[in-house]
Structure formats: structure tokens, C-alpha cells
N, C-alpha and C. Protein backbone atom coordinates (compact mmCIF):
# COMPACT_ATOMS: atom_id res chain seq x y z
N MET A 1 10.74 -64.10 -33.68
CA MET A 1 9.76 -64.26 -34.35
C MET A 1 8.69 -65.50 -34.61
N LYS A 2 9.30 -66.62 -34.24
CA LYS A 2 8.68 -67.96 -34.42
C LYS A 2 7.44 -67.95 -33.63
N LYS A 3 7.71 -66.95 -32.03
CA LYS A 3 6.75 -66.70 -31.43
C LYS A 3 5.17 -65.92 -31.69
N ILE A 4 5.64 -64.76 -32.22
CA ILE A 4 4.75 -64.01 -32.74
C ILE A 4 4.44 -65.13 -34.10
N ALA A 5 4.84 -65.28 -35.04
CA ALA A 5 3.85 -66.02 -35.90
C ALA A 5 3.31 -67.26 -35.51
N SER A 6 3.71 -67.92 -34.43
CA SER A 6 2.80 -69.04 -33.40
C SER A 6 1.07 -68.42 -33.03
N ILE A 7 1.69 -67.29 -32.24
CA ILE A 7 0.57 -66.98 -31.75
C ILE A 7 -0.39 -66.35 -32.73
N LEU A 8 -0.24 -65.58 -33.99
CA LEU A 8 -1.10 -65.13 -35.05
C LEU A 8 -1.67 -66.27 -35.38
N ILE A 9 -1.18 -67.31 -35.63
CA ILE A 9 -1.43 -68.67 -36.36
C ILE A 9 -2.58 -68.98 -35.49
N PHE A 10 -2.45 -69.38 -33.92
CA PHE A 10 -2.97 -69.58 -33.10
C PHE A 10 -4.34 -68.50 -32.94
N ILE A 11 -4.11 -67.62 -33.12
CA ILE A 11 -5.08 -66.42 -33.16
C ILE A 11 -6.13 -66.58 -34.60
N LEU A 12 -5.73 -66.93 -35.54
CA LEU A 12 -6.58 -67.15 -36.81
C LEU A 12 -7.25 -68.21 -36.48
N ILE A 13 -6.76 -69.36 -35.99
CA ILE A 13 -7.47 -70.49 -36.18
C ILE A 13 -8.32 -70.46 -35.07
N LEU A 14 -8.41 -69.64 -33.99
CA LEU A 14 -9.41 -69.56 -33.23
C LEU A 14 -10.59 -68.26 -33.85
N ILE A 15 -10.23 -67.74 -34.47
CA ILE A 15 -11.37 -66.59 -35.37
C ILE A 15 -12.08 -67.60 -36.52
N ALA A 16 -11.22 -68.55 -36.89
CA ALA A 16 -11.69 -69.68 -37.81
C ALA A 16 -12.64 -70.51 -37.66
N ALA A 17 -12.60 -70.95 -36.14
CA ALA A 17 -13.46 -71.84 -35.65
C ALA A 17 -14.63 -70.94 -35.15
N LYS A 18 -14.54 -69.89 -34.64
CA LYS A 18 -15.54 -69.33 -34.18
C LYS A 18 -16.35 -69.03 -35.13
N VAL A 19 -15.83 -68.30 -36.62
CA VAL A 19 -16.51 -68.09 -37.64
C VAL A 19 -17.75 -69.29 -38.04
N ILE A 20 -16.59 -70.41 -37.91
CA ILE A 20 -17.71 -71.91 -38.62
C ILE A 20 -18.40 -72.31 -37.24
N GLY A 21 -18.24 -71.92 -36.28
CA GLY A 21 -19.26 -72.26 -35.14
C GLY A 21 -20.57 -71.79 -34.99
N ASN A 22 -19.99 -70.17 -35.58
CA ASN A 22 -21.27 -69.53 -35.62
C ASN A 22 -22.12 -70.01 -36.74
N LEU A 23 -21.37 -70.07 -37.81
CA LEU A 23 -22.13 -70.50 -39.07
C LEU A 23 -22.87 -71.76 -38.81
N GLY A 24 -22.62 -72.68 -38.29
CA GLY A 24 -22.93 -73.78 -38.23
C GLY A 24 -23.99 -73.79 -37.01
N GLY A 25 -23.98 -73.18 -36.00
CA GLY A 25 -24.82 -73.12 -35.14
C GLY A 25 -25.83 -72.54 -35.80
N LYS A 26 -25.99 -71.45 -36.47
CA LYS A 26 -26.92 -70.61 -37.03
C LYS A 26 -28.01 -71.49 -37.94
N TYR A 27 -27.03 -72.35 -38.88
CA TYR A 27 -27.48 -73.40 -39.74
C TYR A 27 -28.54 -74.42 -38.65
N ALA A 28 -27.82 -75.04 -37.66
CA ALA A 28 -28.62 -76.26 -37.06
C ALA A 28 -30.27 -75.63 -36.44
N ALA A 29 -29.70 -74.33 -35.60
CA ALA A 29 -30.92 -73.58 -35.31
C ALA A 29 -31.80 -73.36 -36.19
N THR A 30 -31.85 -72.99 -36.87
CA THR A 30 -33.00 -72.75 -38.39
C THR A 30 -33.59 -73.99 -38.89
N SER A 31 -32.45 -75.07 -39.11
CA SER A 31 -33.22 -76.29 -39.59
C SER A 31 -34.03 -77.15 -38.68
N LYS A 32 -33.74 -76.88 -37.59
CA LYS A 32 -34.37 -77.72 -36.67
C LYS A 32 -35.94 -77.05 -35.76
N GLN A 33 -35.79 -75.72 -36.37
CA GLN A 33 -36.95 -74.99 -35.69
C GLN A 33 -37.98 -74.87 -36.83
N PRO A 34 -39.42 -75.17 -36.74
CA PRO A 34 -40.07 -75.24 -38.13
C PRO A 34 -40.70 -73.69 -38.44
N ASN A 35 -40.14 -73.36 -39.74
CA ASN A 35 -41.07 -72.07 -40.14
C ASN A 35 -42.56 -71.72 -39.70
N GLN A 36 -42.81 -70.33 -39.52
CA GLN A 36 -44.19 -70.11 -39.26
C GLN A 36 -45.24 -71.05 -39.92
N HIS A 37 -45.19 -71.45 -41.90
CA HIS A 37 -46.10 -72.40 -42.18
C HIS A 37 -46.16 -73.44 -41.51
N GLU A 38 -45.00 -74.22 -40.97
CA GLU A 38 -44.95 -75.40 -40.58
C GLU A 38 -45.42 -75.20 -39.45
N SER A 39 -45.22 -74.22 -38.12
CA SER A 39 -45.83 -74.32 -37.21
C SER A 39 -47.31 -73.94 -37.17
N LEU A 40 -48.03 -73.16 -38.27
CA LEU A 40 -49.10 -72.77 -38.21
C LEU A 40 -49.86 -74.11 -38.62
N ARG A 41 -49.39 -75.07 -39.72
CA ARG A 41 -49.76 -76.29 -39.85
C ARG A 41 -50.18 -77.67 -38.75
N MET A 42 -49.03 -77.40 -38.02
CA MET A 42 -49.10 -78.03 -36.74
C MET A 42 -50.42 -78.11 -35.66
N PHE A 43 -50.23 -76.62 -35.59
CA PHE A 43 -51.43 -75.91 -34.80
C PHE A 43 -52.70 -76.36 -35.17
N VAL A 44 -52.92 -76.02 -36.82
CA VAL A 44 -54.25 -76.69 -37.33
C VAL A 44 -54.40 -78.15 -36.91
N ASN A 45 -53.28 -78.54 -37.62
CA ASN A 45 -53.52 -80.01 -37.16
C ASN A 45 -54.07 -80.67 -36.35
N GLU A 46 -53.38 -80.29 -34.82
CA GLU A 46 -53.71 -80.25 -33.48
C GLU A 46 -54.91 -80.05 -33.20
N PHE A 47 -55.25 -78.32 -33.33
CA PHE A 47 -56.54 -78.02 -32.72
C PHE A 47 -57.75 -78.02 -33.60
N ALA A 48 -57.61 -78.10 -34.64
CA ALA A 48 -59.05 -78.28 -35.75
C ALA A 48 -58.95 -79.63 -36.32
N VAL A 49 -57.88 -80.43 -36.62
CA VAL A 49 -58.36 -81.39 -37.76
C VAL A 49 -58.15 -82.74 -36.59
N ASN A 50 -57.26 -82.69 -35.78
CA ASN A 50 -56.97 -84.18 -34.81
C ASN A 50 -57.13 -83.90 -33.82
N ASN A 51 -58.17 -82.93 -33.43
CA ASN A 51 -58.22 -82.96 -31.71
C ASN A 51 -58.86 -83.89 -31.24
N ALA A 52 -58.09 -84.50 -30.18
CA ALA A 52 -58.59 -85.28 -29.05
C ALA A 52 -60.25 -85.60 -28.56
N ASN A 53 -60.63 -84.28 -28.67
CA ASN A 53 -61.89 -83.71 -28.05
C ASN A 53 -63.43 -84.47 -29.50
N PHE A 54 -62.62 -84.72 -30.61
CA PHE A 54 -63.57 -85.11 -31.81
C PHE A 54 -63.52 -86.18 -31.91
N ASN A 55 -64.54 -86.73 -32.06
CA ASN A 55 -65.08 -88.28 -32.37
C ASN A 55 -65.77 -88.41 -33.39
N TYR A 56 -65.09 -88.65 -34.93
CA TYR A 56 -66.20 -88.61 -35.87
C TYR A 56 -66.94 -89.68 -36.18
N PRO A 57 -67.98 -89.52 -36.83
CA PRO A 57 -68.45 -88.11 -37.33
C PRO A 57 -69.37 -87.31 -36.19
N ILE A 58 -69.56 -86.10 -36.27
CA ILE A 58 -69.82 -85.63 -35.19
C ILE A 58 -71.27 -84.77 -35.73
N LYS A 59 -72.40 -85.00 -34.87
CA LYS A 59 -73.72 -84.55 -35.50
C LYS A 59 -73.70 -83.43 -35.21
N ILE A 60 -74.32 -82.59 -36.14
CA ILE A 60 -74.34 -81.11 -36.25
C ILE A 60 -75.94 -80.95 -35.85
N ASN A 61 -76.76 -81.37 -36.93
CA ASN A 61 -78.05 -81.22 -36.10
C ASN A 61 -78.86 -82.78 -36.75
N GLU A 62 -79.88 -82.51 -36.99
CA GLU A 62 -80.62 -84.18 -37.76
C GLU A 62 -80.50 -84.30 -38.53
N GLU A 63 -79.95 -83.52 -39.56
CA GLU A 63 -79.79 -83.82 -41.26
C GLU A 63 -78.27 -83.67 -41.40
N THR A 64 -77.48 -83.50 -40.59
CA THR A 64 -76.06 -83.03 -41.07
C THR A 64 -74.82 -83.47 -39.95
N TYR A 65 -73.90 -84.30 -40.43
CA TYR A 65 -72.69 -84.68 -40.22
C TYR A 65 -71.47 -84.29 -40.69
N LEU A 66 -70.71 -83.89 -39.72
CA LEU A 66 -69.37 -83.59 -39.81
C LEU A 66 -68.60 -85.08 -39.82
N ILE A 67 -68.03 -85.70 -40.93
CA ILE A 67 -67.76 -86.92 -41.34
C ILE A 67 -65.97 -86.69 -40.79
N SER A 68 -65.41 -85.55 -41.61
CA SER A 68 -64.32 -85.54 -41.24
C SER A 68 -63.46 -84.45 -41.70
N ARG A 69 -62.24 -83.76 -41.40
CA ARG A 69 -61.54 -82.65 -41.24
C ARG A 69 -60.01 -83.06 -41.98
N SER A 70 -59.84 -82.38 -42.79
CA SER A 70 -58.07 -82.69 -43.39
C SER A 70 -57.56 -81.08 -43.74
N ILE A 71 -56.36 -81.15 -43.88
CA ILE A 71 -55.57 -80.06 -44.30
C ILE A 71 -55.25 -79.87 -45.65
N LYS A 72 -55.29 -78.75 -46.44
CA LYS A 72 -55.27 -78.74 -47.93
C LYS A 72 -54.38 -77.32 -47.98
N ASP A 73 -53.33 -77.77 -48.81
CA ASP A 73 -52.40 -76.70 -49.55
C ASP A 73 -52.76 -76.20 -50.67
N GLU A 74 -52.96 -74.92 -50.96
CA GLU A 74 -53.38 -74.43 -52.33
C GLU A 74 -52.17 -73.28 -52.46
N GLY A 75 -50.86 -73.69 -53.16
CA GLY A 75 -49.95 -72.63 -53.27
C GLY A 75 -49.52 -72.36 -52.00
N GLN A 76 -49.82 -70.82 -52.09
CA GLN A 76 -49.46 -70.62 -50.35
C GLN A 76 -50.09 -70.60 -49.25
N SER A 77 -51.46 -70.81 -49.84
CA SER A 77 -52.57 -70.76 -49.01
C SER A 77 -52.84 -72.17 -48.04
N MET A 78 -53.21 -72.06 -47.07
CA MET A 78 -53.84 -73.40 -46.40
C MET A 78 -55.64 -73.39 -45.59
N PHE A 79 -55.88 -74.57 -45.89
CA PHE A 79 -57.28 -74.60 -45.86
C PHE A 79 -57.86 -75.78 -45.01
N VAL A 80 -58.80 -75.76 -44.34
CA VAL A 80 -59.33 -76.61 -43.22
C VAL A 80 -60.47 -77.74 -44.11
N VAL A 81 -60.45 -78.58 -44.84
CA VAL A 81 -61.14 -79.31 -45.96
C VAL A 81 -62.32 -80.11 -44.66
N GLU A 82 -63.78 -79.71 -44.41
CA GLU A 82 -64.46 -80.49 -43.90
C GLU A 82 -65.39 -81.16 -44.85
N ASN A 83 -65.52 -82.54 -44.49
CA ASN A 83 -66.47 -83.16 -45.34
C ASN A 83 -67.96 -83.58 -44.25
N TYR A 84 -68.69 -83.00 -45.07
CA TYR A 84 -70.10 -83.35 -44.50
C TYR A 84 -70.95 -84.48 -45.00
N ARG A 85 -71.90 -84.74 -44.58
CA ARG A 85 -72.83 -85.91 -44.94
C ARG A 85 -74.20 -85.15 -44.62
N ILE A 86 -74.72 -84.78 -45.70
CA ILE A 86 -76.40 -84.56 -45.57
C ILE A 86 -77.60 -85.36 -45.69
N ILE A 87 -78.29 -85.64 -44.81
CA ILE A 87 -79.74 -86.78 -45.08
C ILE A 87 -80.69 -85.92 -46.13
N ALA A 88 -80.43 -85.78 -47.15
CA ALA A 88 -81.13 -84.96 -48.22
C ALA A 88 -82.17 -86.00 -49.24
N PRO A 89 -83.06 -85.50 -48.96
CA PRO A 89 -83.99 -86.44 -49.95
C PRO A 89 -83.51 -86.63 -51.28
N VAL A 90 -83.42 -87.95 -51.76
CA VAL A 90 -82.88 -88.23 -53.30
C VAL A 90 -83.23 -87.40 -54.40
N THR A 91 -84.64 -86.86 -54.21
CA THR A 91 -85.57 -86.00 -55.08
C THR A 91 -85.25 -84.97 -54.99
N ALA A 92 -84.07 -84.47 -54.10
CA ALA A 92 -84.05 -83.09 -54.05
C ALA A 92 -83.59 -82.37 -55.43
N ASN A 93 -83.79 -81.26 -56.20
CA ASN A 93 -83.74 -80.85 -57.50
C ASN A 93 -82.61 -79.99 -57.41
N PRO A 94 -81.82 -79.64 -58.46
CA PRO A 94 -80.75 -79.12 -58.77
C PRO A 94 -81.14 -77.36 -58.11
N SER A 95 -81.84 -76.77 -58.16
CA SER A 95 -82.30 -75.82 -58.05
C SER A 95 -82.06 -75.68 -56.67
N GLU A 96 -82.82 -76.68 -55.58
CA GLU A 96 -82.75 -76.43 -54.35
C GLU A 96 -81.60 -76.68 -53.46
N ILE A 97 -80.34 -77.62 -54.37
CA ILE A 97 -79.03 -77.68 -54.21
C ILE A 97 -78.26 -76.41 -54.24
N LYS A 98 -78.49 -75.98 -55.47
CA LYS A 98 -77.53 -74.55 -55.46
C LYS A 98 -78.05 -73.44 -54.48
N ALA A 99 -79.52 -73.43 -54.11
CA ALA A 99 -79.95 -72.63 -53.22
C ALA A 99 -79.68 -72.48 -51.88
N ALA A 100 -79.34 -73.37 -51.46
CA ALA A 100 -78.66 -74.41 -50.18
C ALA A 100 -77.11 -74.34 -50.41
N GLY A 101 -76.56 -74.56 -51.31
CA GLY A 101 -75.13 -74.18 -51.70
C GLY A 101 -75.09 -72.57 -51.43
N GLU A 102 -75.71 -71.57 -51.71
CA GLU A 102 -75.51 -70.18 -51.66
C GLU A 102 -75.77 -69.52 -50.53
N ASN A 103 -76.53 -70.26 -49.61
CA ASN A 103 -77.18 -70.31 -48.54
C ASN A 103 -76.02 -70.38 -47.20
N THR A 104 -75.23 -71.53 -47.79
CA THR A 104 -74.59 -71.96 -46.63
C THR A 104 -73.01 -71.25 -47.02
N GLN A 105 -72.92 -70.97 -48.55
CA GLN A 105 -71.68 -69.93 -48.62
C GLN A 105 -71.54 -68.69 -47.67
N GLN A 106 -72.76 -68.05 -47.44
CA GLN A 106 -73.45 -67.01 -47.16
C GLN A 106 -73.10 -67.00 -45.40
N GLN A 107 -73.69 -67.68 -44.94
CA GLN A 107 -73.82 -68.51 -43.84
C GLN A 107 -72.14 -68.80 -42.96
N VAL A 108 -71.19 -69.11 -43.95
CA VAL A 108 -70.25 -69.93 -43.64
C VAL A 108 -69.13 -68.49 -43.47
N LYS A 109 -69.25 -67.91 -44.49
CA LYS A 109 -68.66 -66.45 -44.76
C LYS A 109 -68.80 -65.64 -43.68
N GLY A 110 -70.04 -65.18 -43.39
CA GLY A 110 -70.09 -64.60 -41.86
C GLY A 110 -69.49 -64.95 -40.69
N ILE A 111 -69.79 -66.16 -40.86
CA ILE A 111 -69.28 -66.54 -39.48
C ILE A 111 -67.41 -66.66 -39.61
N PHE A 112 -67.16 -67.07 -40.42
CA PHE A 112 -65.45 -67.35 -40.80
C PHE A 112 -64.96 -65.56 -40.97
N CYS A 113 -65.52 -64.66 -41.07
CA CYS A 113 -65.00 -63.33 -41.20
C CYS A 113 -65.21 -62.52 -39.69
N ALA A 114 -66.44 -63.07 -39.39
CA ALA A 114 -66.49 -62.55 -37.63
C ALA A 114 -65.45 -63.05 -36.83
N SER A 115 -65.14 -63.85 -37.09
CA SER A 115 -63.98 -64.76 -36.06
C SER A 115 -62.39 -64.26 -36.69
N LEU A 116 -61.99 -63.49 -37.52
CA LEU A 116 -61.00 -63.73 -37.91
C LEU A 116 -59.83 -62.85 -36.69
N GLN A 117 -60.16 -62.12 -35.85
CA GLN A 117 -59.58 -61.69 -34.81
C GLN A 117 -59.50 -62.65 -33.90
N GLU A 118 -60.37 -63.43 -33.40
CA GLU A 118 -60.32 -64.44 -32.41
C GLU A 118 -59.54 -65.52 -32.81
N ARG A 119 -59.44 -66.04 -34.20
CA ARG A 119 -58.78 -66.97 -34.54
C ARG A 119 -57.05 -66.49 -34.43
N ASP A 120 -57.07 -65.17 -34.99
CA ASP A 120 -55.43 -64.68 -34.69
C ASP A 120 -54.84 -64.91 -33.33
N ARG A 121 -55.81 -64.46 -32.48
CA ARG A 121 -55.96 -64.47 -30.56
C ARG A 121 -54.97 -65.92 -30.24
N LEU A 122 -55.75 -67.00 -30.99
CA LEU A 122 -55.26 -68.34 -30.65
C LEU A 122 -53.97 -68.89 -31.53
N PHE A 123 -53.94 -68.35 -32.84
CA PHE A 123 -52.54 -68.83 -33.17
C PHE A 123 -52.24 -67.51 -34.01
N THR A 124 -51.07 -66.57 -34.26
CA THR A 124 -50.91 -65.78 -34.95
C THR A 124 -50.56 -66.49 -36.71
N GLY A 125 -51.42 -65.88 -37.40
CA GLY A 125 -51.63 -66.23 -38.72
C GLY A 125 -52.98 -67.56 -38.78
N TYR A 126 -53.51 -67.80 -37.85
CA TYR A 126 -54.26 -68.50 -38.17
C TYR A 126 -55.60 -68.05 -38.88
N SER A 127 -55.91 -66.56 -38.73
CA SER A 127 -57.27 -66.10 -39.66
C SER A 127 -56.76 -66.17 -41.30
N SER A 128 -55.76 -66.60 -41.60
CA SER A 128 -55.18 -66.86 -43.23
C SER A 128 -55.63 -68.07 -43.70
N VAL A 129 -55.90 -69.05 -42.41
CA VAL A 129 -56.25 -70.58 -42.98
C VAL A 129 -57.68 -70.52 -43.26
N GLY A 130 -58.14 -70.83 -44.53
CA GLY A 130 -59.20 -70.61 -45.05
C GLY A 130 -60.27 -72.05 -44.85
N ILE A 131 -61.23 -72.25 -45.32
CA ILE A 131 -62.23 -73.56 -44.91
C ILE A 131 -62.54 -73.55 -46.25
N ILE A 132 -62.89 -75.07 -46.38
CA ILE A 132 -63.32 -75.47 -47.64
C ILE A 132 -64.50 -76.52 -47.13
N GLN A 133 -65.64 -76.44 -47.56
CA GLN A 133 -66.46 -77.40 -46.76
C GLN A 133 -67.39 -78.28 -47.69
N ASN A 134 -67.27 -79.29 -48.02
CA ASN A 134 -67.90 -80.61 -49.01
C ASN A 134 -68.94 -80.97 -48.70
N MET A 135 -69.98 -80.93 -49.35
CA MET A 135 -71.26 -81.37 -48.84
C MET A 135 -72.07 -82.64 -49.89
N THR A 136 -72.17 -83.90 -49.20
CA THR A 136 -72.45 -84.72 -49.97
C THR A 136 -73.93 -85.20 -49.42
N ASP A 137 -74.36 -86.09 -50.51
CA ASP A 137 -75.90 -86.59 -49.69
C ASP A 137 -75.22 -88.23 -49.07
N SER A 138 -76.84 -88.54 -48.36
CA SER A 138 -76.14 -90.14 -47.68
C SER A 138 -75.95 -91.35 -48.39
N ASN A 139 -75.97 -91.08 -49.68
CA ASN A 139 -74.95 -92.18 -50.66
C ASN A 139 -73.49 -91.75 -50.97
N GLY A 140 -73.29 -90.93 -50.57
CA GLY A 140 -71.98 -90.09 -50.65
C GLY A 140 -72.02 -89.37 -52.11
N LYS A 141 -72.78 -88.66 -52.51
CA LYS A 141 -72.98 -88.17 -53.55
C LYS A 141 -72.53 -86.63 -53.81
N ALA A 142 -71.76 -86.03 -54.08
CA ALA A 142 -71.27 -84.87 -53.86
C ALA A 142 -72.38 -83.44 -54.21
N LEU A 143 -73.00 -82.70 -53.30
CA LEU A 143 -73.76 -82.08 -53.45
C LEU A 143 -73.39 -80.44 -54.01
N PHE A 144 -72.63 -79.97 -53.05
CA PHE A 144 -72.01 -78.61 -53.53
C PHE A 144 -70.71 -78.56 -52.48
N SER A 145 -69.64 -77.55 -52.99
CA SER A 145 -68.55 -77.55 -52.37
C SER A 145 -68.61 -75.95 -52.00
N ILE A 146 -68.14 -75.39 -51.09
CA ILE A 146 -67.96 -74.14 -50.84
C ILE A 146 -66.55 -73.69 -49.95
N LYS A 147 -66.07 -72.49 -50.18
CA LYS A 147 -64.86 -72.15 -50.47
C LYS A 147 -64.47 -70.92 -49.60
N VAL A 148 -63.80 -70.49 -48.09
CA VAL A 148 -64.21 -69.24 -47.76
C VAL A 148 -62.58 -69.11 -47.52
N GLU A 149 -62.04 -67.84 -47.73
CA GLU A 149 -60.62 -67.49 -47.72
C GLU A 149 -60.76 -65.86 -46.90
N LYS A 150 -59.76 -65.42 -45.94
CA LYS A 150 -59.72 -64.39 -45.86
C LYS A 150 -59.73 -63.05 -46.58
N SER A 151 -59.37 -63.10 -47.60
CA SER A 151 -59.48 -62.30 -48.78
C SER A 151 -61.16 -62.17 -49.40
N GLN A 152 -61.80 -62.53 -49.13
CA GLN A 152 -63.39 -62.70 -49.15
C GLN A 152 -63.99 -61.92 -48.00
N CYS A 153 -63.06 -61.43 -47.11
CA CYS A 153 -63.96 -60.75 -45.80
C CYS A 153 -63.45 -59.21 -46.14
N SER A 154 -64.61 -58.10 -46.18
CA SER A 154 -64.29 -57.16 -46.07
C SER A 154 -64.07 -56.04 -45.04
């Protein structure tokens, strides 16, 4: 009888050890692996923000320079923030600045929306990363800011 009791206790200990090992193993695996949002953030940081091939400032054209990029979270949404400096005349009037902002918004939206499939081919979920572009003049004065995200694409 003592042998049977000893065998049953041994079996219970093995079962308990296996259950605890499985729970601990699952926790360890999930706690060490980044979730989708963290993986996407790492990709965006390496591919779009801190790419070794980018040396800021980047000359876009004779009047525009990309000064820096960063990542910004707004709730569940992620954006690449691009800071541009435009060599604009100091006398640029507000209506010209507003028109330039609207024109830039349409151009960026068109490019962004046309590239959604390509962005997801690069990394699953990358199409959901929006763009914020901040434009400043040569003195660092804010001219306009635009924001484009996937929900604006039809």
C-alpha cells in the first residue's frame, strides 16, 4: 500500500512540475518576445528614423531640407514625424503659407495612400504608421504642420 501511495505522490509531483514548467515557459516566451507594436516600432526606428544611410540634414531640393525624423505615439497610432526647414522668404504672407500647406497635404496624402501595399510588403502593419510633417522657415519659425494616416485613404 505504501508503494502505491509513493507512486501516486511521485506522479502528482511530476504532473505539478510539468504544469508549472509549462506556465513558466509560456510566460518567459511571451515576456521576452516583443509584441507586434514593439516589433513595428523597432522596424520603423531602424528603417525610417535612424537608418545608417541617412545623414541629416538631407537636401530635398534647393529650398527644402529634411532636418530630422522621430517616432510619435498618439494613443494606439504611431507616426513618423519629419521636421523640414524651408528656405522661405521672410515676407511670405499667411495666405501663401496656407496654400502651400494645403498643397503639401494633398501631395503627401497621395503618395502615402498609393504606397500602402508596398509599405505592408516591407513590414506587416507598416501601412498603419502615419506621417506628420512639420515645416519651419530658415529661422525655425513654424509655417505649417500636416498629418496623414491610413484612415484618410479611400
